[in-house]
Amino acid sequence: AVRPNPAPAPEDALTLAYGAGSAPKLVSQISGMSLILRKKSLAETLKMVRVPKELAELLHAGLVPALHVAASDDEGEVREAATLALSEVARHHSGRERMLE
């Protein structure tokens, strides 16, 4: 039997690919237009930066510049989450190297 396509995800849903494909999309959402998606992507980033393999993928996708942009966001929650993520990134050698580039 043929199944109908699932309903499209809401515009404020953070949908990520599995594996290495998730990092570029997540990083792009950090500085995206939607406030809700910026908050959700930063919350997910805070989880991922604690895992070295995921941190490496995020750094390769341009995490540090995206966090610098988010750290000067108009929304206080976004600034706070970006700052927390930057401090977590700084705890790792590879993160510090990217911050100094």
PDB file of N, CA and C in Angstrom:
ATOM      1  N   ALA A   1       0.840  -1.169   0.000  1.00  0.00           N
ATOM      2  CA  ALA A   1       0.000   0.000   0.000  1.00  0.00           C
ATOM      3  C   ALA A   1       0.889   1.238   0.000  1.00  0.00           C
ATOM      4  N   VAL A   2       0.457   2.236  -0.702  1.00  0.00           N
ATOM      5  CA  VAL A   2       1.197   3.479  -0.806  1.00  0.00           C
ATOM      6  C   VAL A   2       0.812   4.384   0.354  1.00  0.00           C
ATOM      7  N   ARG A   3       1.826   4.948   0.987  1.00  0.00           N
ATOM      8  CA  ARG A   3       1.589   5.875   2.092  1.00  0.00           C
ATOM      9  C   ARG A   3       1.657   7.305   1.570  1.00  0.00           C
ATOM     10  N   PRO A   4       0.811   8.171   2.098  1.00  0.00           N
ATOM     11  CA  PRO A   4       0.909   9.580   1.711  1.00  0.00           C
ATOM     12  C   PRO A   4       2.155  10.204   2.343  1.00  0.00           C
ATOM     13  N   ASN A   5       2.603  11.277   1.743  1.00  0.00           N
ATOM     14  CA  ASN A   5       3.743  11.994   2.316  1.00  0.00           C
ATOM     15  C   ASN A   5       3.365  12.521   3.692  1.00  0.00           C
ATOM     16  N   PRO A   6       4.342  12.552   4.620  1.00  0.00           N
ATOM     17  CA  PRO A   6       4.027  13.111   5.940  1.00  0.00           C
ATOM     18  C   PRO A   6       3.762  14.605   5.818  1.00  0.00           C
ATOM     19  N   ALA A   7       3.075  15.108   6.784  1.00  0.00           N
ATOM     20  CA  ALA A   7       2.788  16.552   6.802  1.00  0.00           C
ATOM     21  C   ALA A   7       4.101  17.314   6.915  1.00  0.00           C
ATOM     22  N   PRO A   8       4.219  18.437   6.246  1.00  0.00           N
ATOM     23  CA  PRO A   8       5.459  19.212   6.351  1.00  0.00           C
ATOM     24  C   PRO A   8       5.687  19.693   7.784  1.00  0.00           C
ATOM     25  N   ALA A   9       6.941  19.796   8.145  1.00  0.00           N
ATOM     26  CA  ALA A   9       7.291  20.257   9.486  1.00  0.00           C
ATOM     27  C   ALA A   9       6.963  21.744   9.617  1.00  0.00           C
ATOM     28  N   PRO A  10       6.576  22.182  10.803  1.00  0.00           N
ATOM     29  CA  PRO A  10       6.329  23.618  11.006  1.00  0.00           C
ATOM     30  C   PRO A  10       7.598  24.423  10.708  1.00  0.00           C
ATOM     31  N   GLU A  11       7.423  25.671  10.330  1.00  0.00           N
ATOM     32  CA  GLU A  11       8.563  26.510   9.972  1.00  0.00           C
ATOM     33  C   GLU A  11       9.523  26.734  11.144  1.00  0.00           C
ATOM     34  N   ASP A  12       9.022  26.635  12.371  1.00  0.00           N
ATOM     35  CA  ASP A  12       9.893  26.851  13.520  1.00  0.00           C
ATOM     36  C   ASP A  12      10.442  25.548  14.097  1.00  0.00           C
ATOM     37  N   ALA A  13      10.311  24.450  13.340  1.00  0.00           N
ATOM     38  CA  ALA A  13      10.856  23.166  13.777  1.00  0.00           C
ATOM     39  C   ALA A  13      12.316  23.070  13.351  1.00  0.00           C
ATOM     40  N   LEU A  14      13.161  22.673  14.266  1.00  0.00           N
ATOM     41  CA  LEU A  14      14.573  22.486  13.964  1.00  0.00           C
ATOM     42  C   LEU A  14      14.747  21.072  13.443  1.00  0.00           C
ATOM     43  N   THR A  15      14.852  20.929  12.148  1.00  0.00           N
ATOM     44  CA  THR A  15      15.015  19.615  11.527  1.00  0.00           C
ATOM     45  C   THR A  15      16.450  19.485  11.069  1.00  0.00           C
ATOM     46  N   LEU A  16      17.121  18.434  11.503  1.00  0.00           N
ATOM     47  CA  LEU A  16      18.521  18.240  11.174  1.00  0.00           C
ATOM     48  C   LEU A  16      18.718  16.913  10.461  1.00  0.00           C
ATOM     49  N   ALA A  17      19.712  16.877   9.606  1.00  0.00           N
ATOM     50  CA  ALA A  17      20.091  15.636   8.949  1.00  0.00           C
ATOM     51  C   ALA A  17      20.852  14.780   9.954  1.00  0.00           C
ATOM     52  N   TYR A  18      20.995  13.520   9.640  1.00  0.00           N
ATOM     53  CA  TYR A  18      21.793  12.643  10.493  1.00  0.00           C
ATOM     54  C   TYR A  18      23.232  12.686  10.034  1.00  0.00           C
ATOM     55  N   GLY A  19      24.162  12.476  10.964  1.00  0.00           N
ATOM     56  CA  GLY A  19      25.568  12.416  10.623  1.00  0.00           C
ATOM     57  C   GLY A  19      26.154  13.789  10.346  1.00  0.00           C
ATOM     58  N   ALA A  20      27.145  13.811   9.462  1.00  0.00           N
ATOM     59  CA  ALA A  20      27.892  15.032   9.176  1.00  0.00           C
ATOM     60  C   ALA A  20      27.023  16.113   8.537  1.00  0.00           C
ATOM     61  N   GLY A  21      25.896  15.750   7.969  1.00  0.00           N
ATOM     62  CA  GLY A  21      25.033  16.732   7.323  1.00  0.00           C
ATOM     63  C   GLY A  21      24.332  17.670   8.281  1.00  0.00           C
ATOM     64  N   SER A  22      24.287  17.327   9.552  1.00  0.00           N
ATOM     65  CA  SER A  22      23.557  18.174  10.494  1.00  0.00           C
ATOM     66  C   SER A  22      24.330  19.430  10.871  1.00  0.00           C
ATOM     67  N   ALA A  23      25.645  19.363  10.916  1.00  0.00           N
ATOM     68  CA  ALA A  23      26.444  20.501  11.377  1.00  0.00           C
ATOM     69  C   ALA A  23      26.276  21.752  10.511  1.00  0.00           C
ATOM     70  N   PRO A  24      26.398  21.665   9.183  1.00  0.00           N
ATOM     71  CA  PRO A  24      26.248  22.891   8.390  1.00  0.00           C
ATOM     72  C   PRO A  24      24.873  23.546   8.543  1.00  0.00           C
ATOM     73  N   LYS A  25      23.824  22.737   8.580  1.00  0.00           N
ATOM     74  CA  LYS A  25      22.486  23.312   8.722  1.00  0.00           C
ATOM     75  C   LYS A  25      22.325  23.949  10.097  1.00  0.00           C
ATOM     76  N   LEU A  26      22.802  23.276  11.122  1.00  0.00           N
ATOM     77  CA  LEU A  26      22.688  23.809  12.479  1.00  0.00           C
ATOM     78  C   LEU A  26      23.440  25.138  12.597  1.00  0.00           C
ATOM     79  N   VAL A  27      24.638  25.189  12.068  1.00  0.00           N
ATOM     80  CA  VAL A  27      25.436  26.417  12.129  1.00  0.00           C
ATOM     81  C   VAL A  27      24.737  27.545  11.374  1.00  0.00           C
ATOM     82  N   SER A  28      24.140  27.234  10.224  1.00  0.00           N
ATOM     83  CA  SER A  28      23.450  28.289   9.470  1.00  0.00           C
ATOM     84  C   SER A  28      22.227  28.802  10.219  1.00  0.00           C
ATOM     85  N   GLN A  29      21.572  27.945  10.998  1.00  0.00           N
ATOM     86  CA  GLN A  29      20.391  28.364  11.764  1.00  0.00           C
ATOM     87  C   GLN A  29      20.755  29.280  12.930  1.00  0.00           C
ATOM     88  N   ILE A  30      21.986  29.180  13.432  1.00  0.00           N
ATOM     89  CA  ILE A  30      22.416  30.009  14.564  1.00  0.00           C
ATOM     90  C   ILE A  30      22.319  31.483  14.219  1.00  0.00           C
ATOM     91  N   SER A  31      22.591  31.820  12.982  1.00  0.00           N
ATOM     92  CA  SER A  31      22.518  33.227  12.585  1.00  0.00           C
ATOM     93  C   SER A  31      21.386  33.472  11.586  1.00  0.00           C
ATOM     94  N   GLY A  32      20.393  32.594  11.600  1.00  0.00           N
ATOM     95  CA  GLY A  32      19.257  32.717  10.689  1.00  0.00           C
ATOM     96  C   GLY A  32      18.282  33.808  11.100  1.00  0.00           C
ATOM     97  N   MET A  33      17.255  33.973  10.300  1.00  0.00           N
ATOM     98  CA  MET A  33      16.276  35.037  10.516  1.00  0.00           C
ATOM     99  C   MET A  33      15.278  34.734  11.641  1.00  0.00           C
ATOM    100  N   SER A  34      14.968  33.465  11.867  1.00  0.00           N
ATOM    101  CA  SER A  34      13.946  33.091  12.840  1.00  0.00           C
ATOM    102  C   SER A  34      14.512  33.054  14.255  1.00  0.00           C
ATOM    103  N   LEU A  35      13.950  33.855  15.146  1.00  0.00           N
ATOM    104  CA  LEU A  35      14.388  33.879  16.540  1.00  0.00           C
ATOM    105  C   LEU A  35      14.205  32.515  17.192  1.00  0.00           C
ATOM    106  N   ILE A  36      13.084  31.881  16.943  1.00  0.00           N
ATOM    107  CA  ILE A  36      12.815  30.565  17.534  1.00  0.00           C
ATOM    108  C   ILE A  36      13.867  29.556  17.092  1.00  0.00           C
ATOM    109  N   LEU A  37      14.203  29.556  15.795  1.00  0.00           N
ATOM    110  CA  LEU A  37      15.214  28.618  15.304  1.00  0.00           C
ATOM    111  C   LEU A  37      16.605  28.961  15.823  1.00  0.00           C
ATOM    112  N   ARG A  38      16.907  30.241  16.004  1.00  0.00           N
ATOM    113  CA  ARG A  38      18.203  30.609  16.590  1.00  0.00           C
ATOM    114  C   ARG A  38      18.318  30.033  17.998  1.00  0.00           C
ATOM    115  N   LYS A  39      17.255  30.192  18.785  1.00  0.00           N
ATOM    116  CA  LYS A  39      17.273  29.658  20.155  1.00  0.00           C
ATOM    117  C   LYS A  39      17.384  28.139  20.160  1.00  0.00           C
ATOM    118  N   LYS A  40      16.600  27.478  19.318  1.00  0.00           N
ATOM    119  CA  LYS A  40      16.632  26.018  19.267  1.00  0.00           C
ATOM    120  C   LYS A  40      17.984  25.510  18.784  1.00  0.00           C
ATOM    121  N   SER A  41      18.549  26.159  17.780  1.00  0.00           N
ATOM    122  CA  SER A  41      19.834  25.700  17.254  1.00  0.00           C
ATOM    123  C   SER A  41      20.950  25.913  18.276  1.00  0.00           C
ATOM    124  N   LEU A  42      20.889  26.987  19.032  1.00  0.00           N
ATOM    125  CA  LEU A  42      21.891  27.195  20.075  1.00  0.00           C
ATOM    126  C   LEU A  42      21.742  26.187  21.208  1.00  0.00           C
ATOM    127  N   ALA A  43      20.513  25.840  21.551  1.00  0.00           N
ATOM    128  CA  ALA A  43      20.299  24.810  22.580  1.00  0.00           C
ATOM    129  C   ALA A  43      20.879  23.477  22.123  1.00  0.00           C
ATOM    130  N   GLU A  44      20.677  23.134  20.864  1.00  0.00           N
ATOM    131  CA  GLU A  44      21.225  21.888  20.320  1.00  0.00           C
ATOM    132  C   GLU A  44      22.751  21.968  20.249  1.00  0.00           C
ATOM    133  N   THR A  45      23.255  23.121  19.881  1.00  0.00           N
ATOM    134  CA  THR A  45      24.707  23.309  19.806  1.00  0.00           C
ATOM    135  C   THR A  45      25.350  23.112  21.171  1.00  0.00           C
ATOM    136  N   LEU A  46      24.708  23.627  22.209  1.00  0.00           N
ATOM    137  CA  LEU A  46      25.249  23.459  23.563  1.00  0.00           C
ATOM    138  C   LEU A  46      25.378  21.993  23.943  1.00  0.00           C
ATOM    139  N   LYS A  47      24.481  21.160  23.450  1.00  0.00           N
ATOM    140  CA  LYS A  47      24.589  19.717  23.707  1.00  0.00           C
ATOM    141  C   LYS A  47      25.725  19.117  22.887  1.00  0.00           C
ATOM    142  N   MET A  48      25.797  19.509  21.626  1.00  0.00           N
ATOM    143  CA  MET A  48      26.739  18.876  20.701  1.00  0.00           C
ATOM    144  C   MET A  48      28.199  19.244  20.966  1.00  0.00           C
ATOM    145  N   VAL A  49      28.465  20.453  21.451  1.00  0.00           N
ATOM    146  CA  VAL A  49      29.866  20.859  21.635  1.00  0.00           C
ATOM    147  C   VAL A  49      30.546  20.080  22.755  1.00  0.00           C
ATOM    148  N   ARG A  50      29.807  19.350  23.534  1.00  0.00           N
ATOM    149  CA  ARG A  50      30.390  18.546  24.605  1.00  0.00           C
ATOM    150  C   ARG A  50      30.896  17.195  24.103  1.00  0.00           C
ATOM    151  N   VAL A  51      30.574  16.868  22.852  1.00  0.00           N
ATOM    152  CA  VAL A  51      31.006  15.602  22.241  1.00  0.00           C
ATOM    153  C   VAL A  51      32.096  15.936  21.223  1.00  0.00           C
ATOM    154  N   PRO A  52      33.335  15.477  21.441  1.00  0.00           N
ATOM    155  CA  PRO A  52      34.447  15.885  20.573  1.00  0.00           C
ATOM    156  C   PRO A  52      34.211  15.688  19.072  1.00  0.00           C
ATOM    157  N   LYS A  53      33.635  14.572  18.667  1.00  0.00           N
ATOM    158  CA  LYS A  53      33.400  14.330  17.242  1.00  0.00           C
ATOM    159  C   LYS A  53      32.404  15.345  16.681  1.00  0.00           C
ATOM    160  N   GLU A  54      31.359  15.611  17.421  1.00  0.00           N
ATOM    161  CA  GLU A  54      30.362  16.575  16.961  1.00  0.00           C
ATOM    162  C   GLU A  54      30.917  17.996  16.984  1.00  0.00           C
ATOM    163  N   LEU A  55      31.748  18.307  17.976  1.00  0.00           N
ATOM    164  CA  LEU A  55      32.390  19.613  18.018  1.00  0.00           C
ATOM    165  C   LEU A  55      33.257  19.812  16.782  1.00  0.00           C
ATOM    166  N   ALA A  56      34.012  18.788  16.401  1.00  0.00           N
ATOM    167  CA  ALA A  56      34.872  18.892  15.213  1.00  0.00           C
ATOM    168  C   ALA A  56      34.040  19.185  13.969  1.00  0.00           C
ATOM    169  N   GLU A  57      32.905  18.528  13.837  1.00  0.00           N
ATOM    170  CA  GLU A  57      32.040  18.765  12.676  1.00  0.00           C
ATOM    171  C   GLU A  57      31.477  20.184  12.694  1.00  0.00           C
ATOM    172  N   LEU A  58      31.076  20.648  13.865  1.00  0.00           N
ATOM    173  CA  LEU A  58      30.552  22.005  13.985  1.00  0.00           C
ATOM    174  C   LEU A  58      31.619  23.052  13.684  1.00  0.00           C
ATOM    175  N   LEU A  59      32.836  22.829  14.180  1.00  0.00           N
ATOM    176  CA  LEU A  59      33.917  23.768  13.915  1.00  0.00           C
ATOM    177  C   LEU A  59      34.212  23.839  12.424  1.00  0.00           C
ATOM    178  N   HIS A  60      34.226  22.678  11.777  1.00  0.00           N
ATOM    179  CA  HIS A  60      34.472  22.629  10.332  1.00  0.00           C
ATOM    180  C   HIS A  60      33.380  23.363   9.557  1.00  0.00           C
ATOM    181  N   ALA A  61      32.168  23.359  10.092  1.00  0.00           N
ATOM    182  CA  ALA A  61      31.031  24.007   9.427  1.00  0.00           C
ATOM    183  C   ALA A  61      30.979  25.515   9.696  1.00  0.00           C
ATOM    184  N   GLY A  62      31.912  26.043  10.494  1.00  0.00           N
ATOM    185  CA  GLY A  62      31.944  27.485  10.742  1.00  0.00           C
ATOM    186  C   GLY A  62      31.268  27.926  12.021  1.00  0.00           C
ATOM    187  N   LEU A  63      31.322  27.096  13.048  1.00  0.00           N
ATOM    188  CA  LEU A  63      30.637  27.400  14.304  1.00  0.00           C
ATOM    189  C   LEU A  63      31.124  28.689  14.957  1.00  0.00           C
ATOM    190  N   VAL A  64      32.426  28.880  15.035  1.00  0.00           N
ATOM    191  CA  VAL A  64      32.950  30.037  15.785  1.00  0.00           C
ATOM    192  C   VAL A  64      32.472  31.364  15.197  1.00  0.00           C
ATOM    193  N   PRO A  65      32.582  31.592  13.884  1.00  0.00           N
ATOM    194  CA  PRO A  65      32.051  32.859  13.365  1.00  0.00           C
ATOM    195  C   PRO A  65      30.542  33.021  13.602  1.00  0.00           C
ATOM    196  N   ALA A  66      29.788  31.934  13.488  1.00  0.00           N
ATOM    197  CA  ALA A  66      28.347  32.005  13.727  1.00  0.00           C
ATOM    198  C   ALA A  66      28.047  32.367  15.176  1.00  0.00           C
ATOM    199  N   LEU A  67      28.816  31.823  16.107  1.00  0.00           N
ATOM    200  CA  LEU A  67      28.616  32.149  17.519  1.00  0.00           C
ATOM    201  C   LEU A  67      29.000  33.598  17.812  1.00  0.00           C
ATOM    202  N   HIS A  68      30.025  34.106  17.132  1.00  0.00           N
ATOM    203  CA  HIS A  68      30.399  35.511  17.315  1.00  0.00           C
ATOM    204  C   HIS A  68      29.263  36.431  16.871  1.00  0.00           C
ATOM    205  N   VAL A  69      28.620  36.097  15.767  1.00  0.00           N
ATOM    206  CA  VAL A  69      27.478  36.885  15.296  1.00  0.00           C
ATOM    207  C   VAL A  69      26.345  36.798  16.319  1.00  0.00           C
ATOM    208  N   ALA A  70      26.057  35.578  16.788  1.00  0.00           N
ATOM    209  CA  ALA A  70      24.960  35.380  17.739  1.00  0.00           C
ATOM    210  C   ALA A  70      25.237  36.061  19.080  1.00  0.00           C
ATOM    211  N   ALA A  71      26.508  36.202  19.431  1.00  0.00           N
ATOM    212  CA  ALA A  71      26.857  36.834  20.703  1.00  0.00           C
ATOM    213  C   ALA A  71      26.528  38.319  20.720  1.00  0.00           C
ATOM    214  N   SER A  72      26.234  38.896  19.552  1.00  0.00           N
ATOM    215  CA  SER A  72      25.832  40.300  19.512  1.00  0.00           C
ATOM    216  C   SER A  72      24.386  40.452  19.031  1.00  0.00           C
ATOM    217  N   ASP A  73      23.603  39.390  19.163  1.00  0.00           N
ATOM    218  CA  ASP A  73      22.195  39.387  18.771  1.00  0.00           C
ATOM    219  C   ASP A  73      21.402  40.370  19.650  1.00  0.00           C
ATOM    220  N   ASP A  74      20.297  40.860  19.123  1.00  0.00           N
ATOM    221  CA  ASP A  74      19.440  41.765  19.889  1.00  0.00           C
ATOM    222  C   ASP A  74      18.748  41.062  21.058  1.00  0.00           C
ATOM    223  N   GLU A  75      18.523  39.767  20.922  1.00  0.00           N
ATOM    224  CA  GLU A  75      17.810  38.972  21.932  1.00  0.00           C
ATOM    225  C   GLU A  75      18.790  38.470  22.998  1.00  0.00           C
ATOM    226  N   GLY A  76      18.482  38.763  24.253  1.00  0.00           N
ATOM    227  CA  GLY A  76      19.352  38.383  25.363  1.00  0.00           C
ATOM    228  C   GLY A  76      19.576  36.890  25.499  1.00  0.00           C
ATOM    229  N   GLU A  77      18.532  36.083  25.297  1.00  0.00           N
ATOM    230  CA  GLU A  77      18.682  34.628  25.411  1.00  0.00           C
ATOM    231  C   GLU A  77      19.649  34.090  24.366  1.00  0.00           C
ATOM    232  N   VAL A  78      19.604  34.649  23.183  1.00  0.00           N
ATOM    233  CA  VAL A  78      20.504  34.223  22.108  1.00  0.00           C
ATOM    234  C   VAL A  78      21.941  34.595  22.469  1.00  0.00           C
ATOM    235  N   ARG A  79      22.140  35.821  22.939  1.00  0.00           N
ATOM    236  CA  ARG A  79      23.491  36.255  23.343  1.00  0.00           C
ATOM    237  C   ARG A  79      24.045  35.363  24.443  1.00  0.00           C
ATOM    238  N   GLU A  80      23.199  35.055  25.435  1.00  0.00           N
ATOM    239  CA  GLU A  80      23.647  34.220  26.555  1.00  0.00           C
ATOM    240  C   GLU A  80      24.017  32.819  26.092  1.00  0.00           C
ATOM    241  N   ALA A  81      23.178  32.210  25.262  1.00  0.00           N
ATOM    242  CA  ALA A  81      23.455  30.862  24.774  1.00  0.00           C
ATOM    243  C   ALA A  81      24.704  30.838  23.904  1.00  0.00           C
ATOM    244  N   ALA A  82      24.887  31.865  23.073  1.00  0.00           N
ATOM    245  CA  ALA A  82      26.077  31.932  22.219  1.00  0.00           C
ATOM    246  C   ALA A  82      27.341  32.061  23.059  1.00  0.00           C
ATOM    247  N   THR A  83      27.263  32.862  24.110  1.00  0.00           N
ATOM    248  CA  THR A  83      28.413  33.042  24.990  1.00  0.00           C
ATOM    249  C   THR A  83      28.738  31.748  25.724  1.00  0.00           C
ATOM    250  N   LEU A  84      27.709  31.054  26.182  1.00  0.00           N
ATOM    251  CA  LEU A  84      27.932  29.756  26.838  1.00  0.00           C
ATOM    252  C   LEU A  84      28.565  28.761  25.874  1.00  0.00           C
ATOM    253  N   ALA A  85      28.084  28.744  24.642  1.00  0.00           N
ATOM    254  CA  ALA A  85      28.645  27.832  23.644  1.00  0.00           C
ATOM    255  C   ALA A  85      30.099  28.182  23.345  1.00  0.00           C
ATOM    256  N   LEU A  86      30.397  29.472  23.228  1.00  0.00           N
ATOM    257  CA  LEU A  86      31.787  29.873  22.994  1.00  0.00           C
ATOM    258  C   LEU A  86      32.693  29.455  24.151  1.00  0.00           C
ATOM    259  N   SER A  87      32.196  29.570  25.382  1.00  0.00           N
ATOM    260  CA  SER A  87      33.018  29.160  26.523  1.00  0.00           C
ATOM    261  C   SER A  87      33.250  27.654  26.521  1.00  0.00           C
ATOM    262  N   GLU A  88      32.257  26.899  26.086  1.00  0.00           N
ATOM    263  CA  GLU A  88      32.421  25.443  25.994  1.00  0.00           C
ATOM    264  C   GLU A  88      33.404  25.095  24.876  1.00  0.00           C
ATOM    265  N   VAL A  89      33.306  25.784  23.755  1.00  0.00           N
ATOM    266  CA  VAL A  89      34.233  25.560  22.637  1.00  0.00           C
ATOM    267  C   VAL A  89      35.664  25.863  23.078  1.00  0.00           C
ATOM    268  N   ALA A  90      35.838  26.903  23.867  1.00  0.00           N
ATOM    269  CA  ALA A  90      37.167  27.309  24.323  1.00  0.00           C
ATOM    270  C   ALA A  90      37.816  26.287  25.251  1.00  0.00           C
ATOM    271  N   ARG A  91      37.043  25.384  25.785  1.00  0.00           N
ATOM    272  CA  ARG A  91      37.589  24.346  26.672  1.00  0.00           C
ATOM    273  C   ARG A  91      38.348  23.278  25.898  1.00  0.00           C
ATOM    274  N   HIS A  92      38.167  23.246  24.592  1.00  0.00           N
ATOM    275  CA  HIS A  92      38.798  22.227  23.749  1.00  0.00           C
ATOM    276  C   HIS A  92      39.910  22.863  22.918  1.00  0.00           C
ATOM    277  N   HIS A  93      41.014  22.162  22.780  1.00  0.00           N
ATOM    278  CA  HIS A  93      42.153  22.670  22.029  1.00  0.00           C
ATOM    279  C   HIS A  93      41.763  23.086  20.611  1.00  0.00           C
ATOM    280  N   SER A  94      41.020  22.231  19.927  1.00  0.00           N
ATOM    281  CA  SER A  94      40.639  22.555  18.545  1.00  0.00           C
ATOM    282  C   SER A  94      39.741  23.785  18.500  1.00  0.00           C
ATOM    283  N   GLY A  95      38.913  23.949  19.507  1.00  0.00           N
ATOM    284  CA  GLY A  95      38.054  25.120  19.575  1.00  0.00           C
ATOM    285  C   GLY A  95      38.855  26.394  19.779  1.00  0.00           C
ATOM    286  N   ARG A  96      39.850  26.332  20.649  1.00  0.00           N
ATOM    287  CA  ARG A  96      40.699  27.503  20.884  1.00  0.00           C
ATOM    288  C   ARG A  96      41.462  27.867  19.610  1.00  0.00           C
ATOM    289  N   GLU A  97      41.929  26.867  18.904  1.00  0.00           N
ATOM    290  CA  GLU A  97      42.637  27.145  17.637  1.00  0.00           C
ATOM    291  C   GLU A  97      41.733  27.876  16.655  1.00  0.00           C
ATOM    292  N   ARG A  98      40.488  27.429  16.543  1.00  0.00           N
ATOM    293  CA  ARG A  98      39.540  28.089  15.619  1.00  0.00           C
ATOM    294  C   ARG A  98      39.223  29.507  16.063  1.00  0.00           C
ATOM    295  N   MET A  99      39.198  29.729  17.364  1.00  0.00           N
ATOM    296  CA  MET A  99      38.901  31.065  17.868  1.00  0.00           C
ATOM    297  C   MET A  99      40.046  32.044  17.567  1.00  0.00           C
ATOM    298  N   LEU A 100      41.252  31.522  17.435  1.00  0.00           N
ATOM    299  CA  LEU A 100      42.404  32.376  17.191  1.00  0.00           C
ATOM    300  C   LEU A 100      42.669  32.607  15.707  1.00  0.00           C
ATOM    301  N   GLU A 101      41.958  31.916  14.848  1.00  0.00           N
ATOM    302  CA  GLU A 101      42.169  32.080  13.406  1.00  0.00           C
ATOM    303  C   GLU A 101      41.680  33.411  12.919  1.00  0.00           C
TER     304      GLU A 101
END
